[in-house]
Amino acid sequence: MILPIVAYGDPVLKKKGSDISKDYPNLDTLLENMFETMYNAMGVGLAAPQIGLPIRLFLVDTAPFAEDEDYTEEEQIRLKSFKKVFINPKIVEEDGEEWAFTEGCLSIPDVREDVYRRPKIKVEYLDENFKKHVETYDGLIARVIQHEYDHIEGELFTDKLSTLKKRLIKGRLANISKGKIRVDYRMRFPNQKKKR
């Protein structure tokens, strides 16, 4: 089932997520719905807060980046096959010199800005079977994980922008929170009432 994506301005996007346990209700269905929602919106990552749940869960599928011819064949193969669920993740290490990359977000449509992040991370997480992993990622995969991780920490990529950049996009962000935007996927705006 395709779920509405929560728009900029909703308080759930600023909340730090809570850990979940193995007996979290209907987790398989939730993951299925999240993947379907992400693909429908042409995203490469989706965090639970973006569908209104303040929990520490996100998923990533970087396959769409594999079509970019700027990457080596090896990188394209890696991106094409990277699809994971991250439950209760914790970034334990970030390494390297920060680099800029233009980021966007399904909760903040039509706003894209350069964000600086470190190129290498080490992350501890549980997969969908609650098996523990400690893995190191770099490049674009690391960046997507960092972006989604920020969501479960109650942060958005716009929080990382300079004061000047924030001022320049303030009007566009206000319009998003008021629902004054056209998107190709379902969204829930802060002033909208939840359907029962």
N, C-alpha and C. Protein backbone atom coordinates (compact mmCIF):
# COMPACT_ATOMS: atom_id res chain seq x y z
N MET A 1 0.84 -1.19 0.00
CA MET A 1 0.00 0.00 0.00
C MET A 1 0.89 1.25 0.00
N ILE A 2 0.56 2.18 -0.87
CA ILE A 2 1.32 3.42 -0.95
C ILE A 2 0.83 4.37 0.15
N LEU A 3 1.77 4.79 0.98
CA LEU A 3 1.45 5.67 2.11
C LEU A 3 1.74 7.12 1.74
N PRO A 4 1.05 8.08 2.36
CA PRO A 4 1.38 9.48 2.11
C PRO A 4 2.70 9.84 2.79
N ILE A 5 3.50 10.62 2.09
CA ILE A 5 4.78 11.07 2.65
C ILE A 5 4.55 12.39 3.38
N VAL A 6 5.05 12.46 4.59
CA VAL A 6 4.88 13.63 5.45
C VAL A 6 5.72 14.79 4.91
N ALA A 7 5.10 15.94 4.79
CA ALA A 7 5.76 17.12 4.24
C ALA A 7 6.51 17.92 5.30
N TYR A 8 7.47 18.68 4.82
CA TYR A 8 8.23 19.63 5.65
C TYR A 8 7.27 20.43 6.52
N GLY A 9 7.64 20.61 7.78
CA GLY A 9 6.81 21.41 8.70
C GLY A 9 6.07 20.54 9.69
N ASP A 10 5.95 19.23 9.40
CA ASP A 10 5.28 18.32 10.33
C ASP A 10 6.23 18.04 11.50
N PRO A 11 5.75 18.15 12.75
CA PRO A 11 6.61 17.94 13.92
C PRO A 11 7.28 16.57 13.98
N VAL A 12 6.69 15.54 13.35
CA VAL A 12 7.29 14.19 13.41
C VAL A 12 8.68 14.18 12.75
N LEU A 13 8.91 15.09 11.81
CA LEU A 13 10.21 15.14 11.12
C LEU A 13 11.31 15.72 11.99
N LYS A 14 10.93 16.34 13.10
CA LYS A 14 11.93 16.94 14.01
C LYS A 14 12.09 16.12 15.29
N LYS A 15 11.41 14.98 15.35
CA LYS A 15 11.45 14.12 16.53
C LYS A 15 12.53 13.07 16.40
N LYS A 16 13.27 12.83 17.47
CA LYS A 16 14.25 11.75 17.46
C LYS A 16 13.49 10.43 17.60
N GLY A 17 13.77 9.49 16.70
CA GLY A 17 13.04 8.23 16.70
C GLY A 17 13.39 7.31 17.86
N SER A 18 12.45 6.43 18.19
CA SER A 18 12.66 5.43 19.25
C SER A 18 13.04 4.09 18.64
N ASP A 19 13.84 3.32 19.37
CA ASP A 19 14.18 1.96 18.94
C ASP A 19 12.92 1.11 18.90
N ILE A 20 12.94 0.10 18.05
CA ILE A 20 11.83 -0.85 18.01
C ILE A 20 12.35 -2.25 18.33
N SER A 21 11.44 -3.12 18.73
CA SER A 21 11.82 -4.50 19.06
C SER A 21 11.25 -5.45 18.01
N LYS A 22 11.67 -6.71 18.12
CA LYS A 22 11.26 -7.77 17.19
C LYS A 22 9.75 -7.89 17.06
N ASP A 23 9.05 -7.58 18.15
CA ASP A 23 7.60 -7.76 18.13
C ASP A 23 6.84 -6.49 17.72
N TYR A 24 7.54 -5.59 17.02
CA TYR A 24 6.86 -4.38 16.52
C TYR A 24 5.72 -4.83 15.61
N PRO A 25 4.49 -4.33 15.84
CA PRO A 25 3.32 -4.83 15.11
C PRO A 25 3.42 -4.66 13.59
N ASN A 26 3.12 -5.74 12.88
CA ASN A 26 3.04 -5.74 11.40
C ASN A 26 4.28 -5.17 10.71
N LEU A 27 5.46 -5.51 11.22
CA LEU A 27 6.69 -4.96 10.66
C LEU A 27 6.87 -5.34 9.19
N ASP A 28 6.60 -6.59 8.84
CA ASP A 28 6.75 -7.03 7.44
C ASP A 28 5.89 -6.19 6.50
N THR A 29 4.65 -5.96 6.92
CA THR A 29 3.73 -5.16 6.10
C THR A 29 4.23 -3.72 6.01
N LEU A 30 4.70 -3.20 7.13
CA LEU A 30 5.23 -1.82 7.15
C LEU A 30 6.39 -1.69 6.16
N LEU A 31 7.33 -2.63 6.19
CA LEU A 31 8.48 -2.58 5.29
C LEU A 31 8.04 -2.67 3.83
N GLU A 32 7.11 -3.56 3.56
CA GLU A 32 6.56 -3.71 2.20
C GLU A 32 5.95 -2.38 1.73
N ASN A 33 5.14 -1.78 2.61
CA ASN A 33 4.50 -0.50 2.28
C ASN A 33 5.51 0.61 2.09
N MET A 34 6.56 0.61 2.91
CA MET A 34 7.59 1.64 2.79
C MET A 34 8.34 1.52 1.47
N PHE A 35 8.70 0.31 1.08
CA PHE A 35 9.38 0.12 -0.21
C PHE A 35 8.46 0.58 -1.35
N GLU A 36 7.20 0.18 -1.29
CA GLU A 36 6.25 0.54 -2.34
C GLU A 36 6.09 2.06 -2.42
N THR A 37 6.01 2.71 -1.25
CA THR A 37 5.88 4.17 -1.18
C THR A 37 7.11 4.85 -1.76
N MET A 38 8.29 4.35 -1.39
CA MET A 38 9.55 4.94 -1.88
C MET A 38 9.65 4.81 -3.40
N TYR A 39 9.38 3.61 -3.93
CA TYR A 39 9.47 3.40 -5.38
C TYR A 39 8.46 4.26 -6.13
N ASN A 40 7.25 4.38 -5.58
CA ASN A 40 6.21 5.18 -6.21
C ASN A 40 6.63 6.65 -6.31
N ALA A 41 7.41 7.12 -5.33
CA ALA A 41 7.85 8.52 -5.31
C ALA A 41 9.21 8.70 -5.97
N MET A 42 9.74 7.61 -6.56
CA MET A 42 11.05 7.64 -7.24
C MET A 42 12.19 8.01 -6.28
N GLY A 43 12.11 7.52 -5.05
CA GLY A 43 13.14 7.80 -4.06
C GLY A 43 14.19 6.70 -3.99
N VAL A 44 15.29 7.00 -3.31
CA VAL A 44 16.36 6.00 -3.08
C VAL A 44 16.48 5.65 -1.60
N GLY A 45 15.69 6.31 -0.78
CA GLY A 45 15.68 6.04 0.65
C GLY A 45 14.39 6.57 1.25
N LEU A 46 13.96 5.94 2.33
CA LEU A 46 12.76 6.42 3.03
C LEU A 46 12.89 6.04 4.50
N ALA A 47 12.68 7.02 5.37
CA ALA A 47 12.75 6.80 6.81
C ALA A 47 11.34 6.81 7.40
N ALA A 48 11.16 6.03 8.47
CA ALA A 48 9.84 5.92 9.10
C ALA A 48 9.22 7.28 9.46
N PRO A 49 9.99 8.27 9.96
CA PRO A 49 9.36 9.57 10.25
C PRO A 49 8.69 10.19 9.02
N GLN A 50 9.17 9.85 7.83
CA GLN A 50 8.60 10.42 6.60
C GLN A 50 7.21 9.86 6.29
N ILE A 51 6.83 8.79 6.99
CA ILE A 51 5.46 8.29 6.84
C ILE A 51 4.72 8.45 8.17
N GLY A 52 5.29 9.31 9.04
CA GLY A 52 4.60 9.68 10.28
C GLY A 52 4.91 8.83 11.49
N LEU A 53 5.91 7.94 11.40
CA LEU A 53 6.25 7.08 12.54
C LEU A 53 7.59 7.48 13.16
N PRO A 54 7.59 7.94 14.41
CA PRO A 54 8.84 8.37 15.05
C PRO A 54 9.65 7.19 15.60
N ILE A 55 10.06 6.30 14.68
CA ILE A 55 10.85 5.12 15.09
C ILE A 55 12.15 5.07 14.29
N ARG A 56 13.12 4.29 14.83
CA ARG A 56 14.44 4.22 14.20
C ARG A 56 14.47 3.11 13.15
N LEU A 57 13.98 3.47 11.99
CA LEU A 57 13.88 2.53 10.88
C LEU A 57 13.95 3.30 9.57
N PHE A 58 14.80 2.83 8.67
CA PHE A 58 14.78 3.38 7.31
C PHE A 58 15.23 2.30 6.33
N LEU A 59 14.94 2.55 5.06
CA LEU A 59 15.38 1.62 4.04
C LEU A 59 16.00 2.39 2.88
N VAL A 60 16.85 1.68 2.15
CA VAL A 60 17.63 2.29 1.08
C VAL A 60 17.67 1.34 -0.11
N ASP A 61 17.55 1.91 -1.31
CA ASP A 61 17.77 1.16 -2.55
C ASP A 61 18.39 2.14 -3.54
N THR A 62 19.71 2.00 -3.76
CA THR A 62 20.42 2.98 -4.58
C THR A 62 20.43 2.62 -6.07
N ALA A 63 19.66 1.62 -6.49
CA ALA A 63 19.66 1.19 -7.90
C ALA A 63 19.46 2.34 -8.90
N PRO A 64 18.57 3.33 -8.64
CA PRO A 64 18.40 4.40 -9.63
C PRO A 64 19.71 5.17 -9.94
N PHE A 65 20.61 5.26 -8.97
CA PHE A 65 21.88 5.95 -9.21
C PHE A 65 22.78 5.18 -10.18
N ALA A 66 22.57 3.88 -10.30
CA ALA A 66 23.42 3.03 -11.14
C ALA A 66 23.30 3.39 -12.62
N GLU A 67 22.22 4.10 -12.97
CA GLU A 67 22.01 4.48 -14.36
C GLU A 67 22.84 5.70 -14.76
N ASP A 68 23.47 6.35 -13.78
CA ASP A 68 24.28 7.53 -14.04
C ASP A 68 25.62 7.11 -14.65
N GLU A 69 25.89 7.59 -15.84
CA GLU A 69 27.11 7.18 -16.55
C GLU A 69 28.38 7.82 -16.00
N ASP A 70 28.25 8.72 -15.02
CA ASP A 70 29.43 9.34 -14.42
C ASP A 70 30.19 8.36 -13.53
N TYR A 71 29.54 7.27 -13.13
CA TYR A 71 30.16 6.30 -12.24
C TYR A 71 30.85 5.20 -13.02
N THR A 72 31.89 4.63 -12.40
CA THR A 72 32.60 3.51 -13.03
C THR A 72 31.66 2.31 -13.06
N GLU A 73 32.01 1.33 -13.88
CA GLU A 73 31.19 0.12 -13.99
C GLU A 73 31.08 -0.57 -12.63
N GLU A 74 32.19 -0.58 -11.91
CA GLU A 74 32.22 -1.21 -10.57
C GLU A 74 31.25 -0.50 -9.62
N GLU A 75 31.29 0.85 -9.64
CA GLU A 75 30.38 1.63 -8.78
C GLU A 75 28.92 1.40 -9.19
N GLN A 76 28.67 1.34 -10.49
CA GLN A 76 27.30 1.10 -10.98
C GLN A 76 26.77 -0.24 -10.49
N ILE A 77 27.61 -1.26 -10.52
CA ILE A 77 27.21 -2.59 -10.05
C ILE A 77 26.88 -2.55 -8.56
N ARG A 78 27.75 -1.87 -7.80
CA ARG A 78 27.54 -1.74 -6.34
C ARG A 78 26.23 -1.01 -6.03
N LEU A 79 25.99 0.09 -6.74
CA LEU A 79 24.77 0.88 -6.52
C LEU A 79 23.53 0.10 -6.92
N LYS A 80 23.63 -0.64 -8.03
CA LYS A 80 22.48 -1.38 -8.55
C LYS A 80 22.01 -2.47 -7.58
N SER A 81 22.96 -3.03 -6.83
CA SER A 81 22.61 -4.16 -5.97
C SER A 81 22.43 -3.79 -4.49
N PHE A 82 22.52 -2.50 -4.18
CA PHE A 82 22.43 -2.10 -2.76
C PHE A 82 20.99 -1.80 -2.36
N LYS A 83 20.41 -2.73 -1.62
CA LYS A 83 19.03 -2.58 -1.12
C LYS A 83 19.01 -3.15 0.29
N LYS A 84 18.75 -2.30 1.29
CA LYS A 84 18.80 -2.76 2.68
C LYS A 84 17.77 -2.07 3.56
N VAL A 85 17.46 -2.77 4.64
CA VAL A 85 16.61 -2.25 5.71
C VAL A 85 17.52 -2.01 6.91
N PHE A 86 17.39 -0.85 7.54
CA PHE A 86 18.19 -0.51 8.72
C PHE A 86 17.24 -0.30 9.90
N ILE A 87 17.35 -1.16 10.91
CA ILE A 87 16.53 -1.04 12.12
C ILE A 87 17.44 -0.68 13.29
N ASN A 88 17.03 0.31 14.08
CA ASN A 88 17.80 0.80 15.24
C ASN A 88 19.27 1.06 14.90
N PRO A 89 19.53 1.73 13.76
CA PRO A 89 20.93 1.93 13.38
C PRO A 89 21.64 2.97 14.23
N LYS A 90 22.96 2.85 14.22
CA LYS A 90 23.79 3.83 14.92
C LYS A 90 25.06 4.02 14.08
N ILE A 91 25.29 5.25 13.64
CA ILE A 91 26.55 5.53 12.93
C ILE A 91 27.61 5.69 14.01
N VAL A 92 28.59 4.77 14.01
CA VAL A 92 29.59 4.77 15.06
C VAL A 92 30.88 5.50 14.65
N GLU A 93 31.02 5.73 13.35
CA GLU A 93 32.23 6.41 12.88
C GLU A 93 31.96 7.11 11.56
N GLU A 94 32.51 8.31 11.40
CA GLU A 94 32.47 9.02 10.12
C GLU A 94 33.90 9.45 9.84
N ASP A 95 34.34 9.27 8.60
CA ASP A 95 35.75 9.50 8.31
C ASP A 95 35.92 10.19 6.96
N GLY A 96 37.07 10.86 6.81
CA GLY A 96 37.43 11.48 5.53
C GLY A 96 37.08 12.95 5.49
N GLU A 97 37.47 13.58 4.39
CA GLU A 97 37.24 15.01 4.21
C GLU A 97 35.84 15.23 3.63
N GLU A 98 35.10 16.15 4.21
CA GLU A 98 33.73 16.41 3.77
C GLU A 98 33.68 16.78 2.29
N TRP A 99 32.66 16.29 1.59
CA TRP A 99 32.46 16.63 0.18
C TRP A 99 31.01 17.01 -0.05
N ALA A 100 30.81 17.85 -1.04
CA ALA A 100 29.47 18.37 -1.34
C ALA A 100 28.80 17.51 -2.39
N PHE A 101 27.50 17.37 -2.23
CA PHE A 101 26.67 16.64 -3.20
C PHE A 101 25.28 17.24 -3.11
N THR A 102 24.63 17.41 -4.25
CA THR A 102 23.30 18.00 -4.25
C THR A 102 22.28 16.97 -3.76
N GLU A 103 21.63 17.29 -2.65
CA GLU A 103 20.65 16.38 -2.06
C GLU A 103 19.24 16.95 -2.20
N GLY A 104 18.28 16.04 -2.23
CA GLY A 104 16.88 16.38 -2.22
C GLY A 104 16.21 15.46 -1.21
N CYS A 105 14.92 15.63 -1.00
CA CYS A 105 14.21 14.82 -0.02
C CYS A 105 12.74 14.73 -0.41
N LEU A 106 12.17 13.53 -0.28
CA LEU A 106 10.76 13.33 -0.62
C LEU A 106 9.83 14.18 0.24
N SER A 107 10.26 14.52 1.45
CA SER A 107 9.45 15.36 2.34
C SER A 107 9.59 16.85 2.02
N ILE A 108 10.58 17.17 1.18
CA ILE A 108 10.85 18.58 0.82
C ILE A 108 10.95 18.65 -0.70
N PRO A 109 9.86 18.40 -1.43
CA PRO A 109 9.94 18.33 -2.88
C PRO A 109 10.40 19.63 -3.53
N ASP A 110 11.10 19.49 -4.63
CA ASP A 110 11.57 20.63 -5.45
C ASP A 110 12.60 21.53 -4.76
N VAL A 111 13.19 21.07 -3.67
CA VAL A 111 14.29 21.81 -3.05
C VAL A 111 15.50 20.89 -3.11
N ARG A 112 16.54 21.37 -3.78
CA ARG A 112 17.78 20.59 -3.90
C ARG A 112 18.94 21.53 -3.59
N GLU A 113 19.80 21.11 -2.68
CA GLU A 113 20.94 21.95 -2.28
C GLU A 113 22.16 21.09 -2.01
N ASP A 114 23.34 21.72 -2.12
CA ASP A 114 24.58 21.02 -1.80
C ASP A 114 24.70 20.85 -0.29
N VAL A 115 25.01 19.61 0.11
CA VAL A 115 25.20 19.29 1.52
C VAL A 115 26.58 18.66 1.65
N TYR A 116 27.31 19.06 2.70
CA TYR A 116 28.64 18.50 2.95
C TYR A 116 28.54 17.35 3.95
N ARG A 117 29.13 16.22 3.58
CA ARG A 117 29.16 15.05 4.48
C ARG A 117 30.50 14.36 4.33
N ARG A 118 30.86 13.59 5.34
CA ARG A 118 32.08 12.79 5.26
C ARG A 118 31.83 11.59 4.35
N PRO A 119 32.86 11.14 3.61
CA PRO A 119 32.64 10.12 2.60
C PRO A 119 32.58 8.67 3.10
N LYS A 120 32.99 8.44 4.35
CA LYS A 120 33.05 7.06 4.83
C LYS A 120 32.40 6.93 6.20
N ILE A 121 31.57 5.90 6.36
CA ILE A 121 30.90 5.69 7.64
C ILE A 121 30.97 4.22 8.06
N LYS A 122 30.88 4.04 9.37
CA LYS A 122 30.73 2.69 9.93
C LYS A 122 29.41 2.71 10.67
N VAL A 123 28.53 1.74 10.36
CA VAL A 123 27.20 1.73 10.95
C VAL A 123 26.86 0.37 11.53
N GLU A 124 26.26 0.42 12.72
CA GLU A 124 25.74 -0.80 13.38
C GLU A 124 24.24 -0.76 13.19
N TYR A 125 23.65 -1.89 12.80
CA TYR A 125 22.20 -1.90 12.62
C TYR A 125 21.68 -3.34 12.66
N LEU A 126 20.37 -3.45 12.74
CA LEU A 126 19.70 -4.74 12.65
C LEU A 126 18.99 -4.78 11.30
N ASP A 127 19.01 -5.94 10.66
CA ASP A 127 18.27 -6.07 9.40
C ASP A 127 16.82 -6.45 9.69
N GLU A 128 16.04 -6.73 8.65
CA GLU A 128 14.61 -7.02 8.84
C GLU A 128 14.36 -8.29 9.65
N ASN A 129 15.40 -9.15 9.78
CA ASN A 129 15.28 -10.37 10.60
C ASN A 129 15.87 -10.17 12.00
N PHE A 130 16.22 -8.92 12.30
CA PHE A 130 16.81 -8.53 13.59
C PHE A 130 18.17 -9.18 13.80
N LYS A 131 18.87 -9.40 12.70
CA LYS A 131 20.26 -9.88 12.76
C LYS A 131 21.15 -8.65 12.79
N LYS A 132 22.14 -8.66 13.70
CA LYS A 132 23.01 -7.48 13.87
C LYS A 132 24.12 -7.46 12.82
N HIS A 133 24.41 -6.26 12.31
CA HIS A 133 25.50 -6.06 11.35
C HIS A 133 26.32 -4.84 11.78
N VAL A 134 27.60 -4.89 11.50
CA VAL A 134 28.48 -3.71 11.63
C VAL A 134 29.20 -3.62 10.30
N GLU A 135 28.92 -2.57 9.53
CA GLU A 135 29.46 -2.48 8.18
C GLU A 135 29.99 -1.08 7.89
N THR A 136 30.93 -1.02 6.94
CA THR A 136 31.52 0.25 6.52
C THR A 136 31.08 0.53 5.09
N TYR A 137 30.68 1.76 4.85
CA TYR A 137 30.25 2.17 3.51
C TYR A 137 30.96 3.47 3.14
N ASP A 138 31.06 3.70 1.82
CA ASP A 138 31.65 4.97 1.38
C ASP A 138 30.89 5.50 0.17
N GLY A 139 31.28 6.71 -0.24
CA GLY A 139 30.69 7.32 -1.43
C GLY A 139 29.21 7.58 -1.32
N LEU A 140 28.52 7.34 -2.43
CA LEU A 140 27.11 7.65 -2.53
C LEU A 140 26.24 6.82 -1.59
N ILE A 141 26.60 5.55 -1.39
CA ILE A 141 25.84 4.70 -0.48
C ILE A 141 25.91 5.26 0.94
N ALA A 142 27.12 5.67 1.35
CA ALA A 142 27.29 6.27 2.68
C ALA A 142 26.43 7.52 2.81
N ARG A 143 26.41 8.32 1.77
CA ARG A 143 25.64 9.57 1.80
C ARG A 143 24.15 9.31 1.95
N VAL A 144 23.61 8.35 1.21
CA VAL A 144 22.18 8.04 1.31
C VAL A 144 21.86 7.56 2.73
N ILE A 145 22.73 6.71 3.28
CA ILE A 145 22.53 6.23 4.65
C ILE A 145 22.56 7.40 5.63
N GLN A 146 23.52 8.31 5.48
CA GLN A 146 23.61 9.47 6.37
C GLN A 146 22.36 10.34 6.29
N HIS A 147 21.86 10.54 5.08
CA HIS A 147 20.65 11.36 4.87
C HIS A 147 19.46 10.73 5.60
N GLU A 148 19.28 9.40 5.42
CA GLU A 148 18.15 8.72 6.07
C GLU A 148 18.35 8.65 7.59
N TYR A 149 19.60 8.47 8.00
CA TYR A 149 19.92 8.43 9.43
C TYR A 149 19.54 9.76 10.10
N ASP A 150 19.82 10.85 9.40
CA ASP A 150 19.43 12.17 9.93
C ASP A 150 17.93 12.21 10.24
N HIS A 151 17.13 11.61 9.37
CA HIS A 151 15.67 11.60 9.58
C HIS A 151 15.30 10.98 10.93
N ILE A 152 15.95 9.87 11.29
CA ILE A 152 15.59 9.21 12.56
C ILE A 152 16.19 9.94 13.76
N GLU A 153 17.08 10.90 13.47
CA GLU A 153 17.65 11.76 14.52
C GLU A 153 16.87 13.07 14.63
N GLY A 154 15.83 13.22 13.79
CA GLY A 154 15.03 14.45 13.82
C GLY A 154 15.66 15.61 13.07
N GLU A 155 16.53 15.29 12.10
CA GLU A 155 17.22 16.32 11.32
C GLU A 155 16.85 16.20 9.85
N LEU A 156 16.88 17.33 9.15
CA LEU A 156 16.63 17.36 7.71
C LEU A 156 17.87 17.93 7.02
N PHE A 157 18.01 17.65 5.73
CA PHE A 157 19.20 18.15 5.04
C PHE A 157 19.24 19.67 5.03
N THR A 158 18.07 20.31 5.10
CA THR A 158 18.02 21.78 5.11
C THR A 158 18.61 22.35 6.40
N ASP A 159 18.66 21.53 7.47
CA ASP A 159 19.26 21.98 8.73
C ASP A 159 20.77 22.16 8.58
N LYS A 160 21.36 21.53 7.58
CA LYS A 160 22.81 21.56 7.39
C LYS A 160 23.26 22.71 6.47
N LEU A 161 22.30 23.48 5.98
CA LEU A 161 22.64 24.56 5.04
C LEU A 161 23.08 25.82 5.79
N SER A 162 23.79 26.69 5.07
CA SER A 162 24.23 27.96 5.66
C SER A 162 23.02 28.85 5.93
N THR A 163 23.20 29.83 6.78
CA THR A 163 22.13 30.76 7.13
C THR A 163 21.60 31.46 5.88
N LEU A 164 22.50 31.83 4.97
CA LEU A 164 22.11 32.51 3.74
C LEU A 164 21.23 31.58 2.89
N LYS A 165 21.68 30.34 2.69
CA LYS A 165 20.90 29.37 1.90
C LYS A 165 19.52 29.16 2.52
N LYS A 166 19.48 29.04 3.86
CA LYS A 166 18.19 28.84 4.55
C LYS A 166 17.25 30.01 4.28
N ARG A 167 17.83 31.23 4.28
CA ARG A 167 17.02 32.43 4.03
C ARG A 167 16.46 32.42 2.60
N LEU A 168 17.30 31.97 1.65
CA LEU A 168 16.91 31.95 0.24
C LEU A 168 15.78 30.96 -0.06
N ILE A 169 15.72 29.87 0.71
CA ILE A 169 14.69 28.86 0.42
C ILE A 169 13.50 28.93 1.41
N LYS A 170 13.55 29.89 2.31
CA LYS A 170 12.51 30.00 3.35
C LYS A 170 11.09 30.03 2.78
N GLY A 171 10.87 30.80 1.73
CA GLY A 171 9.55 30.92 1.12
C GLY A 171 9.09 29.60 0.50
N ARG A 172 10.02 28.89 -0.15
CA ARG A 172 9.67 27.61 -0.75
C ARG A 172 9.31 26.58 0.32
N LEU A 173 10.04 26.61 1.43
CA LEU A 173 9.75 25.68 2.53
C LEU A 173 8.38 25.99 3.14
N ALA A 174 8.07 27.26 3.28
CA ALA A 174 6.77 27.67 3.82
C ALA A 174 5.64 27.18 2.92
N ASN A 175 5.84 27.30 1.60
CA ASN A 175 4.83 26.83 0.65
C ASN A 175 4.63 25.32 0.75
N ILE A 176 5.72 24.57 0.93
CA ILE A 176 5.60 23.11 1.07
C ILE A 176 4.77 22.78 2.31
N SER A 177 5.09 23.43 3.42
CA SER A 177 4.36 23.12 4.66
C SER A 177 2.88 23.50 4.57
N LYS A 178 2.55 24.45 3.68
CA LYS A 178 1.14 24.85 3.50
C LYS A 178 0.45 24.01 2.42
N GLY A 179 1.21 23.12 1.79
CA GLY A 179 0.63 22.28 0.74
C GLY A 179 0.53 22.98 -0.60
N LYS A 180 1.23 24.10 -0.75
CA LYS A 180 1.20 24.85 -2.02
C LYS A 180 2.30 24.34 -2.94
N ILE A 181 2.16 23.07 -3.34
CA ILE A 181 3.15 22.44 -4.20
C ILE A 181 2.48 21.30 -4.94
N ARG A 182 2.96 21.05 -6.15
CA ARG A 182 2.43 19.93 -6.94
C ARG A 182 3.48 18.81 -6.96
N VAL A 183 3.05 17.62 -6.58
CA VAL A 183 3.94 16.46 -6.60
C VAL A 183 3.23 15.27 -7.25
N ASP A 184 4.04 14.32 -7.72
CA ASP A 184 3.50 13.14 -8.39
C ASP A 184 3.21 11.99 -7.44
N TYR A 185 3.33 12.22 -6.14
CA TYR A 185 3.07 11.16 -5.16
C TYR A 185 2.24 11.71 -4.02
N ARG A 186 1.67 10.78 -3.24
CA ARG A 186 0.80 11.19 -2.12
C ARG A 186 1.61 11.86 -1.03
N MET A 187 1.09 12.98 -0.53
CA MET A 187 1.76 13.66 0.58
C MET A 187 0.72 14.02 1.63
N ARG A 188 1.22 14.17 2.86
CA ARG A 188 0.38 14.65 3.96
C ARG A 188 1.03 15.93 4.47
N PHE A 189 0.28 17.01 4.45
CA PHE A 189 0.81 18.30 4.86
C PHE A 189 0.45 18.59 6.32
N PRO A 190 1.27 19.38 7.01
CA PRO A 190 1.06 19.61 8.45
C PRO A 190 -0.33 20.10 8.82
N ASN A 191 -0.96 20.90 7.97
CA ASN A 191 -2.27 21.44 8.32
C ASN A 191 -3.43 20.52 7.90
N GLN A 192 -3.09 19.40 7.25
CA GLN A 192 -4.12 18.43 6.83
C GLN A 192 -4.52 17.56 8.00
N LYS A 193 -5.78 17.28 8.10
CA LYS A 193 -6.26 16.35 9.13
C LYS A 193 -6.01 14.93 8.67
N LYS A 194 -5.62 14.06 9.61
CA LYS A 194 -5.43 12.64 9.28
C LYS A 194 -6.77 12.02 8.95
N LYS A 195 -6.79 11.20 7.91
CA LYS A 195 -8.03 10.49 7.56
C LYS A 195 -8.17 9.29 8.49
N ARG A 196 -9.37 9.09 8.97
CA ARG A 196 -9.61 7.97 9.89
C ARG A 196 -9.87 6.70 9.11
